[in-house]
Each structure stands twice: as C-alpha cells, then as structure tokens.
Amino acid sequence: MTSSLPPPDGGLGPARTGLLVLAVAVFGAVTTELLPVGLLPQISSAFDVGSGTAGLLVSAYAAMVAVLSVPLALATRRLPRKPLLLATIGGYVVSNLISATAPTFAVLAAGRVVGGITHALFFSVCIGYAARLVPPALTGRAMALASVGVSGGLVLGVPFSTALGTALGWRAACWFLAVLVALVLVLAAAVLPPVEGPQDDAAPHPGRRRDLASVVLANGLTYLGTYVLYTYISVLLLDSGASDHWVGPALLLFGVCGLIGLRAAAAQLDHRPRLSAIVVPTVMAASLAVIAVAYPRLALVIAGAMVWLAAFGPAASLYQSASIRTSASAPETAGAWINASSNAGIGGGAALGAVIIAHGGLGWVAWASAAIVACSAMLALLARSAFPARGVTPVSEAQPAQR
C-alpha cells in the first residue's frame, strides 16, 4: 500500500513517472478525438460527402462518450485496473488503424465509433488511476499533471496532425497517430505500476451524492459555456479581422495560455478547492464578457481570449479532483460522470452556439458563453459542501493502493 502521507518535499514523488505516462496517454486520446476537426474538408472530398455529414465524425464521437461513460465505468468496476487501462489505450490504436485504412465513409465512421467507446471508458479509468497513484492530499496536483495531456493535445497534437494531414493526406495523420498511441501502449505496460480497483468494503457515502451532482453540474456548465464560443473561435477571429494564416498561430497561443493557467493553479486545487471553483469560472466569465464588448476589435478579442483560455486550463483538473473528494462513489465512477458531462457540454455548446449565431451573431454567442460559465461560479459559491474551503482527505475509495 502507498503511504497516505505526502512526500517530504510536497511533490509527487515516485508517482510522477506514472502520471507523466498517463499524461502522454491523455495526449493521444485528445488528439484522436479532435483529429477530424482540421481535416474535415479532405475527408469530405475523399468520400464525396457534405461537410455536415463529415462533421458527424466529431459530434457522434462526443455523443457516445456522453452516453456510455457511466454505464461502462460501472460495468467494468470489478476488472483489474492496469489491464483495463491498457485495453483502452489499445482501443485508440484500433480506432486510428481502421480510420487510416477505411475504404468507405461508413468504415471510417465505424472506426470513430470504436474510438468513442474507448474514450468513454478511458478517462474514467485514467482519472481513477491517477488518484490511486498518490496520497489523497495530492489528488488535485496529480490530476493537473495527468491533464497536461489535454492541453498538449490541443496545443501540439491537433495542429501537428492537421499540418501532417494537409501535407501528406488525412490518412497519413491517422497512421501517425496509430503508431504514436501504440508506442504509448508499450510505455504504459512497462512503466505503470498496477493499482487496486474499487473495493467492496470501501462503501461510498450516499449522503454526498448531492455534492457529486453539484460538481458534475458545475463541470457541465463550464464546458457548455466554453464550447458555445470556442467551437467557433476561428470564425470569431476571422470576423474580427484576423487573416487566415494567423488563425493557427492564435490557436497555438491560446493553448499555451491554457498550459500556463494549469501550471499556475495546480497547487491551489488541493489547498483551496472552493476558492479555485469560484475563481476559475469567474475569471472565464469576466474575460468572455470582455470579448463580447470588444468584438470585433481584434487585439482586444485576442487579449480576452488569452485570459479566458488560461483560466479554462485548470478546469478539467479542478472538477475531476472535486468529484473524487465528494467520496460519493469510486474515483472511476466519479471520473465517468465528469467525462460524460464534459462531452455533453462540448456537444451541447456547439449546437447552442450554432443556433445563437443564426439568430443573433457572434457577439451574442460571447454573452451567452459568459452567462453560462457565470452560473458555474454561482453554483460553486452556493454548494459549500461540494467545494470545501480547504482540501480534505476523501474517506472512501480515493485512497491509493498499489499491489
């Protein structure tokens, strides 16, 4: 069993290596999920389908994750953790191989279905794994390190795969990602220590299910509000006067801001979870309001977006660690609910943003985004037991245990 005491230096100790491997796995997962985004025109042309039909490769993926995350987490609750994690990483390899060799659009869609099923299970297992590698007092910091892969996928994975697909064809991007994830699979098998799964005698606290529901709702609102506008960030930049060739560098800049925000907030997620849950969405909402007022003045829009996405950087770690601290369920189940609500927010945000654009324009999209994210901050303010003022030690299954 690992010690429940933090390392003397306050760091992550030997768990850091395993968490870095999980971060690389998350990088591959996020890149796989978003791979078609920059390659939709090529895919549409290759299979002679409309852009709306090709877009289903992304929206259907997110929908499957939203629907299947919790059922799959519960169905696999008793399975050994490390083999299950390796199986999900292998699922990404299979998904990308099917996509790379797909002779028809239907086969390509089938490959994405495999990816969606994999994604639905991977993040719940990964979140539980990260929680079990460290003492409970370091849960937030562990989540922050594992979540670096999310920002890394956005900052490096998606732009690089898009550039590779543009230069060599979209199938080359799929092949590259299949090989990359296969290497991650080998690395994870060699480096990750086995951890115990949920224990029958470690009963959750049913009375705190309301707290878990509050955390899941706050997470969903944050993602919904973010993706109402972020889905159309390229359109926002172009309408504000940016040229086509500046959109990519701007997105890279925003991704770097997210990494900086994650790094700056990592320690506070453990020490001041309540303050973090209030400050993160409040700063996001305020900067989104700045964007709404500034649009279409490009410099101010970019400045507002930098602050907005820097604040969004630690959001995944914030809600993942908060869900585990509620002790309402096993870390895997809590992670599944967070995964489901995140993807519901992503898909719902894209749909809501499209409706608002059609009826009011991008300025109203930014206002709607700010209002929704502000609701998340208000919920954190009201849900005092879900977001305690100080970091607390979970009393259920968040205790890490290694065989």
Foldseek 3Di string as FASTA:
>chain_A
DDDLDADPVNDFPPLLVVLLLLLLLLLLLLLLLCQCVLVLVQVCVVAVHDSVVSCCLNLVLLQLLLPCQQVVLVVCQQPFLLVLLLVLLVLLLQLLVQLLPPPHVVSNSVSSVSSSNSLSQNQLSSLLLLLQSGNLLQSLLSLLSSLVSNLCNQQPSRVVLSVVCVVPNNSVSSVVSSVSSVVSSVVSVPPPFTWGGADPPQAFDQVLVVLLVLLLLLLLLLLLLVQLQVVCVLVLLVQLPDDPVCSSVLSNLLSVLLNVLSVVCRNCLSFFLLVLQQVLLLQLLVLLLQLLVCPSNNVSNSVSSSSNSSSVSSSLSSSLSLSVQSSRDRSSSSSSSNSSSNSVSNSNSNVNSVVCCVPPRSSVSSNSSSVSSNVSSVSSVVSCSSGDRGHDRRRGNSHHGGD
